[in-house]
PDB file of N, CA and C in Angstrom:
ATOM      1  N   MET A   1      36.407  28.023 148.647  1.00  0.00           N
ATOM      2  CA  MET A   1      37.758  28.410 148.277  1.00  0.00           C
ATOM      3  C   MET A   1      38.279  29.372 149.326  1.00  0.00           C
ATOM      4  N   LYS A   2      39.452  29.102 149.812  1.00  0.00           N
ATOM      5  CA  LYS A   2      40.077  30.065 150.711  1.00  0.00           C
ATOM      6  C   LYS A   2      40.641  31.206 149.877  1.00  0.00           C
ATOM      7  N   LYS A   3      40.519  32.388 150.384  1.00  0.00           N
ATOM      8  CA  LYS A   3      41.007  33.566 149.667  1.00  0.00           C
ATOM      9  C   LYS A   3      42.430  33.835 150.114  1.00  0.00           C
ATOM     10  N   SER A   4      43.369  33.833 149.182  1.00  0.00           N
ATOM     11  CA  SER A   4      44.783  33.959 149.501  1.00  0.00           C
ATOM     12  C   SER A   4      45.110  35.298 150.138  1.00  0.00           C
ATOM     13  N   THR A   5      44.758  36.359 149.456  1.00  0.00           N
ATOM     14  CA  THR A   5      44.949  37.704 149.993  1.00  0.00           C
ATOM     15  C   THR A   5      43.862  38.571 149.402  1.00  0.00           C
ATOM     16  N   THR A   6      43.615  39.684 150.036  1.00  0.00           N
ATOM     17  CA  THR A   6      42.583  40.563 149.502  1.00  0.00           C
ATOM     18  C   THR A   6      43.149  41.551 148.495  1.00  0.00           C
ATOM     19  N   ALA A   7      44.448  41.769 148.493  1.00  0.00           N
ATOM     20  CA  ALA A   7      45.024  42.779 147.618  1.00  0.00           C
ATOM     21  C   ALA A   7      46.243  42.240 146.882  1.00  0.00           C
ATOM     22  N   CYS A   8      46.111  41.065 146.304  1.00  0.00           N
ATOM     23  CA  CYS A   8      47.284  40.492 145.646  1.00  0.00           C
ATOM     24  C   CYS A   8      47.476  41.029 144.238  1.00  0.00           C
ATOM     25  N   CYS A   9      46.498  41.737 143.706  1.00  0.00           N
ATOM     26  CA  CYS A   9      46.630  42.271 142.348  1.00  0.00           C
ATOM     27  C   CYS A   9      46.598  43.789 142.367  1.00  0.00           C
ATOM     28  N   PRO A  10      47.425  44.412 141.548  1.00  0.00           N
ATOM     29  CA  PRO A  10      47.416  45.877 141.453  1.00  0.00           C
ATOM     30  C   PRO A  10      46.172  46.344 140.710  1.00  0.00           C
ATOM     31  N   PRO A  11      45.945  47.645 140.668  1.00  0.00           N
ATOM     32  CA  PRO A  11      44.788  48.166 139.923  1.00  0.00           C
ATOM     33  C   PRO A  11      44.811  47.692 138.461  1.00  0.00           C
ATOM     34  N   ALA A  12      43.621  47.547 137.911  1.00  0.00           N
ATOM     35  CA  ALA A  12      43.473  47.050 136.543  1.00  0.00           C
ATOM     36  C   ALA A  12      43.972  48.042 135.509  1.00  0.00           C
ATOM     37  N   ASP A  13      44.373  47.514 134.372  1.00  0.00           N
ATOM     38  CA  ASP A  13      44.740  48.357 133.230  1.00  0.00           C
ATOM     39  C   ASP A  13      43.474  48.981 132.645  1.00  0.00           C
ATOM     40  N   PRO A  14      43.602  50.108 131.937  1.00  0.00           N
ATOM     41  CA  PRO A  14      42.425  50.709 131.306  1.00  0.00           C
ATOM     42  C   PRO A  14      41.882  49.808 130.193  1.00  0.00           C
ATOM     43  N   THR A  15      40.612  49.980 129.898  1.00  0.00           N
ATOM     44  CA  THR A  15      39.978  49.203 128.829  1.00  0.00           C
ATOM     45  C   THR A  15      40.540  49.628 127.485  1.00  0.00           C
ATOM     46  N   PRO A  16      41.045  48.655 126.699  1.00  0.00           N
ATOM     47  CA  PRO A  16      41.540  49.010 125.364  1.00  0.00           C
ATOM     48  C   PRO A  16      40.385  49.451 124.467  1.00  0.00           C
ATOM     49  N   PRO A  17      40.641  50.335 123.517  1.00  0.00           N
ATOM     50  CA  PRO A  17      39.569  50.764 122.617  1.00  0.00           C
ATOM     51  C   PRO A  17      39.177  49.650 121.648  1.00  0.00           C
ATOM     52  N   VAL A  18      37.925  49.682 121.241  1.00  0.00           N
ATOM     53  CA  VAL A  18      37.464  48.750 120.208  1.00  0.00           C
ATOM     54  C   VAL A  18      38.092  49.193 118.896  1.00  0.00           C
ATOM     55  N   PRO A  19      38.757  48.279 118.190  1.00  0.00           N
ATOM     56  CA  PRO A  19      39.376  48.674 116.915  1.00  0.00           C
ATOM     57  C   PRO A  19      38.343  49.236 115.945  1.00  0.00           C
ATOM     58  N   ALA A  20      38.680  50.340 115.301  1.00  0.00           N
ATOM     59  CA  ALA A  20      37.778  50.963 114.332  1.00  0.00           C
ATOM     60  C   ALA A  20      37.723  50.153 113.037  1.00  0.00           C
ATOM     61  N   ASP A  21      38.828  49.538 112.683  1.00  0.00           N
ATOM     62  CA  ASP A  21      38.903  48.728 111.470  1.00  0.00           C
ATOM     63  C   ASP A  21      38.199  47.391 111.716  1.00  0.00           C
ATOM     64  N   GLU A  22      37.240  47.062 110.852  1.00  0.00           N
ATOM     65  CA  GLU A  22      36.461  45.830 111.033  1.00  0.00           C
ATOM     66  C   GLU A  22      37.334  44.575 110.987  1.00  0.00           C
ATOM     67  N   GLY A  23      38.309  44.557 110.113  1.00  0.00           N
ATOM     68  CA  GLY A  23      39.197  43.396 110.027  1.00  0.00           C
ATOM     69  C   GLY A  23      39.994  43.201 111.311  1.00  0.00           C
ATOM     70  N   GLU A  24      40.493  44.309 111.859  1.00  0.00           N
ATOM     71  CA  GLU A  24      41.241  44.243 113.121  1.00  0.00           C
ATOM     72  C   GLU A  24      40.322  43.820 114.273  1.00  0.00           C
ATOM     73  N   ALA A  25      39.084  44.335 114.261  1.00  0.00           N
ATOM     74  CA  ALA A  25      38.115  43.950 115.292  1.00  0.00           C
ATOM     75  C   ALA A  25      37.800  42.461 115.198  1.00  0.00           C
ATOM     76  N   ASN A  26      37.669  41.965 113.976  1.00  0.00           N
ATOM     77  CA  ASN A  26      37.405  40.537 113.784  1.00  0.00           C
ATOM     78  C   ASN A  26      38.550  39.684 114.318  1.00  0.00           C
ATOM     79  N   GLU A  27      39.778  40.099 114.034  1.00  0.00           N
ATOM     80  CA  GLU A  27      40.955  39.360 114.522  1.00  0.00           C
ATOM     81  C   GLU A  27      40.998  39.356 116.050  1.00  0.00           C
ATOM     82  N   ARG A  28      40.739  40.511 116.646  1.00  0.00           N
ATOM     83  CA  ARG A  28      40.780  40.628 118.112  1.00  0.00           C
ATOM     84  C   ARG A  28      39.699  39.765 118.754  1.00  0.00           C
ATOM     85  N   LEU A  29      38.492  39.808 118.193  1.00  0.00           N
ATOM     86  CA  LEU A  29      37.390  39.011 118.726  1.00  0.00           C
ATOM     87  C   LEU A  29      37.687  37.525 118.595  1.00  0.00           C
ATOM     88  N   ALA A  30      38.207  37.119 117.448  1.00  0.00           N
ATOM     89  CA  ALA A  30      38.531  35.702 117.234  1.00  0.00           C
ATOM     90  C   ALA A  30      39.588  35.225 118.233  1.00  0.00           C
ATOM     91  N   ALA A  31      40.598  36.042 118.483  1.00  0.00           N
ATOM     92  CA  ALA A  31      41.655  35.661 119.428  1.00  0.00           C
ATOM     93  C   ALA A  31      41.104  35.518 120.845  1.00  0.00           C
ATOM     94  N   LEU A  32      40.255  36.449 121.252  1.00  0.00           N
ATOM     95  CA  LEU A  32      39.671  36.368 122.594  1.00  0.00           C
ATOM     96  C   LEU A  32      38.707  35.187 122.704  1.00  0.00           C
ATOM     97  N   ALA A  33      37.920  34.969 121.656  1.00  0.00           N
ATOM     98  CA  ALA A  33      36.987  33.836 121.672  1.00  0.00           C
ATOM     99  C   ALA A  33      37.750  32.514 121.747  1.00  0.00           C
ATOM    100  N   LYS A  34      38.842  32.417 121.035  1.00  0.00           N
ATOM    101  CA  LYS A  34      39.662  31.199 121.081  1.00  0.00           C
ATOM    102  C   LYS A  34      40.208  30.971 122.490  1.00  0.00           C
ATOM    103  N   ALA A  35      40.579  32.058 123.167  1.00  0.00           N
ATOM    104  CA  ALA A  35      41.142  31.937 124.509  1.00  0.00           C
ATOM    105  C   ALA A  35      40.120  31.405 125.514  1.00  0.00           C
ATOM    106  N   ILE A  36      38.845  31.692 125.316  1.00  0.00           N
ATOM    107  CA  ILE A  36      37.841  31.205 126.264  1.00  0.00           C
ATOM    108  C   ILE A  36      37.066  30.000 125.731  1.00  0.00           C
ATOM    109  N   ALA A  37      37.553  29.418 124.650  1.00  0.00           N
ATOM    110  CA  ALA A  37      36.842  28.324 123.984  1.00  0.00           C
ATOM    111  C   ALA A  37      37.014  26.971 124.667  1.00  0.00           C
ATOM    112  N   HIS A  38      37.136  26.964 125.969  1.00  0.00           N
ATOM    113  CA  HIS A  38      37.224  25.709 126.722  1.00  0.00           C
ATOM    114  C   HIS A  38      36.467  25.913 128.028  1.00  0.00           C
ATOM    115  N   PRO A  39      35.624  24.968 128.416  1.00  0.00           N
ATOM    116  CA  PRO A  39      34.851  25.128 129.654  1.00  0.00           C
ATOM    117  C   PRO A  39      35.713  25.372 130.895  1.00  0.00           C
ATOM    118  N   ALA A  40      36.884  24.792 130.961  1.00  0.00           N
ATOM    119  CA  ALA A  40      37.757  24.997 132.121  1.00  0.00           C
ATOM    120  C   ALA A  40      38.237  26.445 132.192  1.00  0.00           C
ATOM    121  N   ARG A  41      38.512  27.054 131.052  1.00  0.00           N
ATOM    122  CA  ARG A  41      38.969  28.446 131.059  1.00  0.00           C
ATOM    123  C   ARG A  41      37.835  29.386 131.463  1.00  0.00           C
ATOM    124  N   ILE A  42      36.619  29.072 131.060  1.00  0.00           N
ATOM    125  CA  ILE A  42      35.472  29.874 131.491  1.00  0.00           C
ATOM    126  C   ILE A  42      35.283  29.715 132.999  1.00  0.00           C
ATOM    127  N   ALA A  43      35.426  28.495 133.504  1.00  0.00           N
ATOM    128  CA  ALA A  43      35.309  28.267 134.952  1.00  0.00           C
ATOM    129  C   ALA A  43      36.378  29.050 135.717  1.00  0.00           C
ATOM    130  N   ILE A  44      37.586  29.081 135.191  1.00  0.00           N
ATOM    131  CA  ILE A  44      38.667  29.845 135.828  1.00  0.00           C
ATOM    132  C   ILE A  44      38.316  31.333 135.847  1.00  0.00           C
ATOM    133  N   LEU A  45      37.832  31.860 134.729  1.00  0.00           N
ATOM    134  CA  LEU A  45      37.449  33.275 134.686  1.00  0.00           C
ATOM    135  C   LEU A  45      36.360  33.573 135.713  1.00  0.00           C
ATOM    136  N   ARG A  46      35.377  32.693 135.812  1.00  0.00           N
ATOM    137  CA  ARG A  46      34.299  32.897 136.788  1.00  0.00           C
ATOM    138  C   ARG A  46      34.845  32.912 138.215  1.00  0.00           C
ATOM    139  N   LEU A  47      35.742  31.997 138.521  1.00  0.00           N
ATOM    140  CA  LEU A  47      36.330  31.959 139.862  1.00  0.00           C
ATOM    141  C   LEU A  47      37.129  33.225 140.151  1.00  0.00           C
ATOM    142  N   LEU A  48      37.885  33.678 139.167  1.00  0.00           N
ATOM    143  CA  LEU A  48      38.687  34.890 139.369  1.00  0.00           C
ATOM    144  C   LEU A  48      37.808  36.126 139.549  1.00  0.00           C
ATOM    145  N   VAL A  49      36.695  36.187 138.849  1.00  0.00           N
ATOM    146  CA  VAL A  49      35.766  37.308 139.008  1.00  0.00           C
ATOM    147  C   VAL A  49      35.176  37.288 140.420  1.00  0.00           C
ATOM    148  N   ARG A  50      34.752  36.117 140.863  1.00  0.00           N
ATOM    149  CA  ARG A  50      34.125  36.003 142.187  1.00  0.00           C
ATOM    150  C   ARG A  50      35.085  36.280 143.332  1.00  0.00           C
ATOM    151  N   HIS A  51      36.337  35.866 143.186  1.00  0.00           N
ATOM    152  CA  HIS A  51      37.266  35.927 144.313  1.00  0.00           C
ATOM    153  C   HIS A  51      38.307  37.040 144.197  1.00  0.00           C
ATOM    154  N   GLU A  52      38.247  37.834 143.155  1.00  0.00           N
ATOM    155  CA  GLU A  52      39.143  38.975 142.977  1.00  0.00           C
ATOM    156  C   GLU A  52      40.616  38.602 143.138  1.00  0.00           C
ATOM    157  N   GLY A  53      40.986  37.466 142.603  1.00  0.00           N
ATOM    158  CA  GLY A  53      42.374  37.028 142.639  1.00  0.00           C
ATOM    159  C   GLY A  53      42.540  35.707 143.365  1.00  0.00           C
ATOM    160  N   CYS A  54      43.321  34.838 142.775  1.00  0.00           N
ATOM    161  CA  CYS A  54      43.541  33.514 143.354  1.00  0.00           C
ATOM    162  C   CYS A  54      44.936  33.035 142.997  1.00  0.00           C
ATOM    163  N   ILE A  55      45.493  32.201 143.854  1.00  0.00           N
ATOM    164  CA  ILE A  55      46.718  31.514 143.486  1.00  0.00           C
ATOM    165  C   ILE A  55      46.329  30.184 142.845  1.00  0.00           C
ATOM    166  N   VAL A  56      47.245  29.577 142.158  1.00  0.00           N
ATOM    167  CA  VAL A  56      46.961  28.347 141.423  1.00  0.00           C
ATOM    168  C   VAL A  56      46.392  27.276 142.350  1.00  0.00           C
ATOM    169  N   GLY A  57      46.957  27.135 143.527  1.00  0.00           N
ATOM    170  CA  GLY A  57      46.477  26.114 144.463  1.00  0.00           C
ATOM    171  C   GLY A  57      45.017  26.291 144.814  1.00  0.00           C
ATOM    172  N   ASP A  58      44.575  27.539 144.966  1.00  0.00           N
ATOM    173  CA  ASP A  58      43.163  27.796 145.251  1.00  0.00           C
ATOM    174  C   ASP A  58      42.285  27.351 144.088  1.00  0.00           C
ATOM    175  N   LEU A  59      42.738  27.636 142.870  1.00  0.00           N
ATOM    176  CA  LEU A  59      41.981  27.234 141.684  1.00  0.00           C
ATOM    177  C   LEU A  59      41.927  25.715 141.556  1.00  0.00           C
ATOM    178  N   VAL A  60      43.046  25.057 141.812  1.00  0.00           N
ATOM    179  CA  VAL A  60      43.108  23.589 141.731  1.00  0.00           C
ATOM    180  C   VAL A  60      42.139  22.974 142.740  1.00  0.00           C
ATOM    181  N   ASP A  61      42.021  23.588 143.919  1.00  0.00           N
ATOM    182  CA  ASP A  61      41.092  23.086 144.934  1.00  0.00           C
ATOM    183  C   ASP A  61      39.646  23.137 144.455  1.00  0.00           C
ATOM    184  N   GLU A  62      39.325  24.085 143.586  1.00  0.00           N
ATOM    185  CA  GLU A  62      37.956  24.287 143.119  1.00  0.00           C
ATOM    186  C   GLU A  62      37.623  23.527 141.831  1.00  0.00           C
ATOM    187  N   LEU A  63      38.621  23.180 141.060  1.00  0.00           N
ATOM    188  CA  LEU A  63      38.387  22.574 139.746  1.00  0.00           C
ATOM    189  C   LEU A  63      38.780  21.095 139.753  1.00  0.00           C
ATOM    190  N   PRO A  64      38.085  20.288 138.960  1.00  0.00           N
ATOM    191  CA  PRO A  64      38.421  18.864 138.890  1.00  0.00           C
ATOM    192  C   PRO A  64      39.557  18.605 137.894  1.00  0.00           C
ATOM    193  N   LEU A  65      40.638  19.384 138.018  1.00  0.00           N
ATOM    194  CA  LEU A  65      41.750  19.302 137.084  1.00  0.00           C
ATOM    195  C   LEU A  65      43.068  19.246 137.839  1.00  0.00           C
ATOM    196  N   ALA A  66      44.057  18.661 137.207  1.00  0.00           N
ATOM    197  CA  ALA A  66      45.403  18.619 137.786  1.00  0.00           C
ATOM    198  C   ALA A  66      46.001  20.020 137.774  1.00  0.00           C
ATOM    199  N   GLN A  67      46.955  20.238 138.664  1.00  0.00           N
ATOM    200  CA  GLN A  67      47.621  21.537 138.754  1.00  0.00           C
ATOM    201  C   GLN A  67      48.254  21.928 137.428  1.00  0.00           C
ATOM    202  N   SER A  68      48.871  20.977 136.750  1.00  0.00           N
ATOM    203  CA  SER A  68      49.526  21.290 135.477  1.00  0.00           C
ATOM    204  C   SER A  68      48.510  21.708 134.409  1.00  0.00           C
ATOM    205  N   THR A  69      47.328  21.114 134.441  1.00  0.00           N
ATOM    206  CA  THR A  69      46.282  21.469 133.482  1.00  0.00           C
ATOM    207  C   THR A  69      45.756  22.872 133.772  1.00  0.00           C
ATOM    208  N   VAL A  70      45.529  23.172 135.045  1.00  0.00           N
ATOM    209  CA  VAL A  70      45.087  24.512 135.426  1.00  0.00           C
ATOM    210  C   VAL A  70      46.133  25.537 134.993  1.00  0.00           C
ATOM    211  N   SER A  71      47.398  25.235 135.225  1.00  0.00           N
ATOM    212  CA  SER A  71      48.469  26.155 134.835  1.00  0.00           C
ATOM    213  C   SER A  71      48.482  26.397 133.328  1.00  0.00           C
ATOM    214  N   GLN A  72      48.236  25.352 132.552  1.00  0.00           N
ATOM    215  CA  GLN A  72      48.211  25.512 131.093  1.00  0.00           C
ATOM    216  C   GLN A  72      47.057  26.413 130.660  1.00  0.00           C
ATOM    217  N   HIS A  73      45.893  26.222 131.272  1.00  0.00           N
ATOM    218  CA  HIS A  73      44.751  27.079 130.952  1.00  0.00           C
ATOM    219  C   HIS A  73      45.026  28.528 131.370  1.00  0.00           C
ATOM    220  N   LEU A  74      45.643  28.720 132.524  1.00  0.00           N
ATOM    221  CA  LEU A  74      45.997  30.065 132.973  1.00  0.00           C
ATOM    222  C   LEU A  74      46.960  30.727 131.988  1.00  0.00           C
ATOM    223  N   LYS A  75      47.893  29.964 131.484  1.00  0.00           N
ATOM    224  CA  LYS A  75      48.852  30.490 130.509  1.00  0.00           C
ATOM    225  C   LYS A  75      48.129  31.003 129.265  1.00  0.00           C
ATOM    226  N   GLN A  76      47.162  30.242 128.770  1.00  0.00           N
ATOM    227  CA  GLN A  76      46.439  30.658 127.568  1.00  0.00           C
ATOM    228  C   GLN A  76      45.599  31.914 127.831  1.00  0.00           C
ATOM    229  N   LEU A  77      44.966  31.976 128.995  1.00  0.00           N
ATOM    230  CA  LEU A  77      44.190  33.168 129.330  1.00  0.00           C
ATOM    231  C   LEU A  77      45.084  34.396 129.494  1.00  0.00           C
ATOM    232  N   LYS A  78      46.255  34.185 130.070  1.00  0.00           N
ATOM    233  CA  LYS A  78      47.191  35.291 130.265  1.00  0.00           C
ATOM    234  C   LYS A  78      47.730  35.781 128.921  1.00  0.00           C
ATOM    235  N   GLN A  79      48.066  34.862 128.029  1.00  0.00           N
ATOM    236  CA  GLN A  79      48.569  35.256 126.705  1.00  0.00           C
ATOM    237  C   GLN A  79      47.536  36.079 125.942  1.00  0.00           C
ATOM    238  N   ALA A  80      46.254  35.792 126.157  1.00  0.00           N
ATOM    239  CA  ALA A  80      45.190  36.541 125.487  1.00  0.00           C
ATOM    240  C   ALA A  80      44.933  37.884 126.160  1.00  0.00           C
ATOM    241  N   GLY A  81      45.505  38.097 127.344  1.00  0.00           N
ATOM    242  CA  GLY A  81      45.314  39.347 128.056  1.00  0.00           C
ATOM    243  C   GLY A  81      44.091  39.390 128.945  1.00  0.00           C
ATOM    244  N   LEU A  82      43.382  38.267 129.072  1.00  0.00           N
ATOM    245  CA  LEU A  82      42.167  38.240 129.887  1.00  0.00           C
ATOM    246  C   LEU A  82      42.451  38.175 131.385  1.00  0.00           C
ATOM    247  N   ILE A  83      43.629  37.702 131.754  1.00  0.00           N
ATOM    248  CA  ILE A  83      44.043  37.679 133.151  1.00  0.00           C
ATOM    249  C   ILE A  83      45.484  38.154 133.236  1.00  0.00           C
ATOM    250  N   ARG A  84      45.918  38.425 134.448  1.00  0.00           N
ATOM    251  CA  ARG A  84      47.327  38.742 134.664  1.00  0.00           C
ATOM    252  C   ARG A  84      47.774  38.001 135.910  1.00  0.00           C
ATOM    253  N   GLY A  85      49.049  37.719 135.962  1.00  0.00           N
ATOM    254  CA  GLY A  85      49.620  37.040 137.109  1.00  0.00           C
ATOM    255  C   GLY A  85      50.649  37.935 137.764  1.00  0.00           C
ATOM    256  N   GLU A  86      50.525  38.095 139.053  1.00  0.00           N
ATOM    257  CA  GLU A  86      51.449  38.924 139.827  1.00  0.00           C
ATOM    258  C   GLU A  86      52.169  38.040 140.824  1.00  0.00           C
ATOM    259  N   VAL A  87      53.472  38.195 140.919  1.00  0.00           N
ATOM    260  CA  VAL A  87      54.260  37.426 141.869  1.00  0.00           C
ATOM    261  C   VAL A  87      53.883  37.872 143.278  1.00  0.00           C
ATOM    262  N   ASP A  88      53.556  36.910 144.114  1.00  0.00           N
ATOM    263  CA  ASP A  88      53.168  37.152 145.504  1.00  0.00           C
ATOM    264  C   ASP A  88      54.009  36.224 146.362  1.00  0.00           C
ATOM    265  N   GLY A  89      55.250  36.636 146.607  1.00  0.00           N
ATOM    266  CA  GLY A  89      56.186  35.758 147.322  1.00  0.00           C
ATOM    267  C   GLY A  89      56.546  34.588 146.440  1.00  0.00           C
ATOM    268  N   PRO A  90      56.427  33.365 146.940  1.00  0.00           N
ATOM    269  CA  PRO A  90      56.768  32.196 146.130  1.00  0.00           C
ATOM    270  C   PRO A  90      55.642  31.771 145.185  1.00  0.00           C
ATOM    271  N   ARG A  91      54.505  32.460 145.250  1.00  0.00           N
ATOM    272  CA  ARG A  91      53.345  32.082 144.443  1.00  0.00           C
ATOM    273  C   ARG A  91      53.044  33.156 143.409  1.00  0.00           C
ATOM    274  N   VAL A  92      52.150  32.805 142.498  1.00  0.00           N
ATOM    275  CA  VAL A  92      51.655  33.782 141.532  1.00  0.00           C
ATOM    276  C   VAL A  92      50.161  33.939 141.780  1.00  0.00           C
ATOM    277  N   CYS A  93      49.742  35.177 141.962  1.00  0.00           N
ATOM    278  CA  CYS A  93      48.336  35.497 142.160  1.00  0.00           C
ATOM    279  C   CYS A  93      47.759  35.887 140.794  1.00  0.00           C
ATOM    280  N   TYR A  94      46.711  35.210 140.377  1.00  0.00           N
ATOM    281  CA  TYR A  94      46.076  35.512 139.096  1.00  0.00           C
ATOM    282  C   TYR A  94      44.818  36.337 139.325  1.00  0.00           C
ATOM    283  N   CYS A  95      44.632  37.329 138.463  1.00  0.00           N
ATOM    284  CA  CYS A  95      43.489  38.229 138.550  1.00  0.00           C
ATOM    285  C   CYS A  95      42.897  38.423 137.163  1.00  0.00           C
ATOM    286  N   ILE A  96      41.615  38.695 137.148  1.00  0.00           N
ATOM    287  CA  ILE A  96      40.934  39.013 135.900  1.00  0.00           C
ATOM    288  C   ILE A  96      41.437  40.373 135.408  1.00  0.00           C
ATOM    289  N   GLU A  97      41.478  40.563 134.119  1.00  0.00           N
ATOM    290  CA  GLU A  97      41.810  41.874 133.537  1.00  0.00           C
ATOM    291  C   GLU A  97      40.489  42.457 133.033  1.00  0.00           C
ATOM    292  N   PRO A  98      39.797  43.246 133.857  1.00  0.00           N
ATOM    293  CA  PRO A  98      38.442  43.688 133.508  1.00  0.00           C
ATOM    294  C   PRO A  98      38.365  44.487 132.212  1.00  0.00           C
ATOM    295  N   GLY A  99      39.401  45.213 131.867  1.00  0.00           N
ATOM    296  CA  GLY A  99      39.381  45.969 130.621  1.00  0.00           C
ATOM    297  C   GLY A  99      39.297  45.076 129.397  1.00  0.00           C
ATOM    298  N   MET A 100      40.002  43.949 129.445  1.00  0.00           N
ATOM    299  CA  MET A 100      39.950  43.022 128.305  1.00  0.00           C
ATOM    300  C   MET A 100      38.609  42.300 128.249  1.00  0.00           C
ATOM    301  N   VAL A 101      38.030  42.013 129.401  1.00  0.00           N
ATOM    302  CA  VAL A 101      36.695  41.406 129.423  1.00  0.00           C
ATOM    303  C   VAL A 101      35.686  42.399 128.852  1.00  0.00           C
ATOM    304  N   ALA A 102      35.825  43.675 129.211  1.00  0.00           N
ATOM    305  CA  ALA A 102      34.947  44.709 128.661  1.00  0.00           C
ATOM    306  C   ALA A 102      35.126  44.836 127.150  1.00  0.00           C
ATOM    307  N   LEU A 103      36.373  44.750 126.682  1.00  0.00           N
ATOM    308  CA  LEU A 103      36.626  44.797 125.241  1.00  0.00           C
ATOM    309  C   LEU A 103      35.957  43.617 124.545  1.00  0.00           C
ATOM    310  N   PHE A 104      36.086  42.425 125.121  1.00  0.00           N
ATOM    311  CA  PHE A 104      35.450  41.235 124.539  1.00  0.00           C
ATOM    312  C   PHE A 104      33.940  41.451 124.429  1.00  0.00           C
ATOM    313  N   LYS A 105      33.323  41.953 125.497  1.00  0.00           N
ATOM    314  CA  LYS A 105      31.880  42.212 125.479  1.00  0.00           C
ATOM    315  C   LYS A 105      31.530  43.210 124.386  1.00  0.00           C
ATOM    316  N   ALA A 106      32.304  44.274 124.272  1.00  0.00           N
ATOM    317  CA  ALA A 106      32.033  45.298 123.252  1.00  0.00           C
ATOM    318  C   ALA A 106      32.167  44.735 121.845  1.00  0.00           C
ATOM    319  N   LEU A 107      33.167  43.887 121.630  1.00  0.00           N
ATOM    320  CA  LEU A 107      33.353  43.287 120.317  1.00  0.00           C
ATOM    321  C   LEU A 107      32.190  42.350 119.965  1.00  0.00           C
ATOM    322  N   VAL A 108      31.699  41.608 120.939  1.00  0.00           N
ATOM    323  CA  VAL A 108      30.556  40.717 120.701  1.00  0.00           C
ATOM    324  C   VAL A 108      29.306  41.555 120.414  1.00  0.00           C
ATOM    325  N   GLU A 109      29.102  42.615 121.181  1.00  0.00           N
ATOM    326  CA  GLU A 109      27.931  43.477 120.978  1.00  0.00           C
ATOM    327  C   GLU A 109      27.951  44.132 119.609  1.00  0.00           C
ATOM    328  N   ALA A 110      29.132  44.347 119.034  1.00  0.00           N
ATOM    329  CA  ALA A 110      29.256  45.005 117.733  1.00  0.00           C
ATOM    330  C   ALA A 110      28.998  44.055 116.557  1.00  0.00           C
ATOM    331  N   LEU A 111      28.745  42.796 116.835  1.00  0.00           N
ATOM    332  CA  LEU A 111      28.502  41.837 115.740  1.00  0.00           C
ATOM    333  C   LEU A 111      27.252  42.194 114.952  1.00  0.00           C
TER     334      LEU A 111
END
């Protein structure tokens, strides 16, 4: 994969706190689990972790999926807060949101 830029994403947001209320924690965990409940979305997360940001074209080059399918998966990951997209000229650079990944890990560990 060619790396689009080395600094296409701004610094990460802080890690959100684990909800103290068990019901709220369950809802948050379920929403995050649903967002990664597809092998293509997990593959996208892995690529974003390894490359510290990618444009859609770079991801399409790495995955056996159409551009529109990759974009749909990116949309679902972004809605869940696991990634963010930053405008980089005519393209959008997608980056992992490490705080949300850390929250997901903490919620799973609390099971």
